[in-house]
Amino acid sequence: MTMNVRIVQLGRGVYKYAAEEGASIADGLAAAGISVEHMDVRVRGRPAKVEDILRDGDLVTVIPLIKGG
């Protein structure tokens, strides 16, 4: 079964990903060419780990971490 997932990288764009069942967030980010180094990853607005499995209709948001002092 193919699932439809949207990936939003703030400041970069929105990507549509046709994920196969069992695909992880890391799989979707790799397909979109997004590195998660120094990024906060959220799914449906909640913190997520890249090894979490995607579900149909998920919205993955990738937010750059801001350093300050």
Protein backbone atom coordinates (compact mmCIF):
# COMPACT_ATOMS: atom_id res chain seq x y z
CA MET A 1 0.00 0.00 0.00
CA THR A 2 1.31 3.44 -0.91
CA MET A 3 0.84 6.25 1.61
CA ASN A 4 0.83 9.97 0.90
CA VAL A 5 3.12 12.00 3.14
CA ARG A 6 4.00 15.70 3.03
CA ILE A 7 7.38 16.91 4.21
CA VAL A 8 7.85 20.60 5.02
CA GLN A 9 11.35 21.99 5.45
CA LEU A 10 10.97 25.50 6.82
CA GLY A 11 12.66 28.01 4.57
CA ARG A 12 13.12 25.43 1.78
CA GLY A 13 9.82 24.03 0.56
CA VAL A 14 7.15 21.37 0.67
CA TYR A 15 7.74 17.88 -0.71
CA LYS A 16 5.23 15.14 -1.44
CA TYR A 17 6.40 11.62 -0.73
CA ALA A 18 4.68 8.41 -1.81
CA ALA A 19 5.81 6.15 1.01
CA GLU A 20 5.58 2.39 1.03
CA GLU A 21 4.10 0.76 4.12
CA GLY A 22 6.76 0.49 6.83
CA ALA A 23 8.79 3.48 5.58
CA SER A 24 10.49 5.53 8.27
CA ILE A 25 10.81 9.28 8.59
CA ALA A 26 14.48 8.86 7.61
CA ASP A 27 13.37 7.20 4.35
CA GLY A 28 11.11 10.14 3.51
CA LEU A 29 13.73 12.74 4.37
CA ALA A 30 16.34 10.92 2.27
CA ALA A 31 13.94 10.82 -0.70
CA ALA A 32 13.46 14.60 -0.35
CA GLY A 33 17.22 15.18 -0.02
CA ILE A 34 16.92 16.58 3.49
CA SER A 35 19.63 16.11 6.12
CA VAL A 36 18.43 16.15 9.72
CA GLU A 37 21.73 17.33 11.13
CA HIS A 38 20.98 20.33 13.39
CA MET A 39 17.23 19.96 12.73
CA ASP A 40 14.16 19.41 14.87
CA VAL A 41 11.79 16.83 13.32
CA ARG A 42 8.08 16.80 14.09
CA VAL A 43 5.20 14.68 12.81
CA ARG A 44 1.72 16.12 13.06
CA GLY A 45 3.20 18.81 15.31
CA ARG A 46 4.77 16.43 17.82
CA PRO A 47 8.48 15.67 18.32
CA ALA A 48 9.56 12.59 16.36
CA LYS A 49 12.58 10.37 15.85
CA VAL A 50 13.84 9.64 12.35
CA GLU A 51 13.37 5.91 12.93
CA ASP A 52 9.61 6.36 13.58
CA ILE A 53 7.34 4.74 10.98
CA LEU A 54 5.26 7.00 8.74
CA ARG A 55 1.47 6.75 8.46
CA ASP A 56 -0.77 7.75 5.60
CA GLY A 57 -1.46 11.48 5.66
CA ASP A 58 1.45 12.37 7.94
CA LEU A 59 2.84 15.89 7.83
CA VAL A 60 6.56 15.87 8.66
CA THR A 61 8.02 19.26 9.58
CA VAL A 62 11.77 19.83 9.64
CA ILE A 63 12.83 22.95 11.58
CA PRO A 64 16.42 24.25 11.71
CA LEU A 65 17.74 24.53 15.25
CA ILE A 66 18.69 28.06 16.18
CA LYS A 67 21.76 28.66 18.29
CA GLY A 68 21.99 31.73 20.39
CA GLY A 69 23.74 33.14 23.34
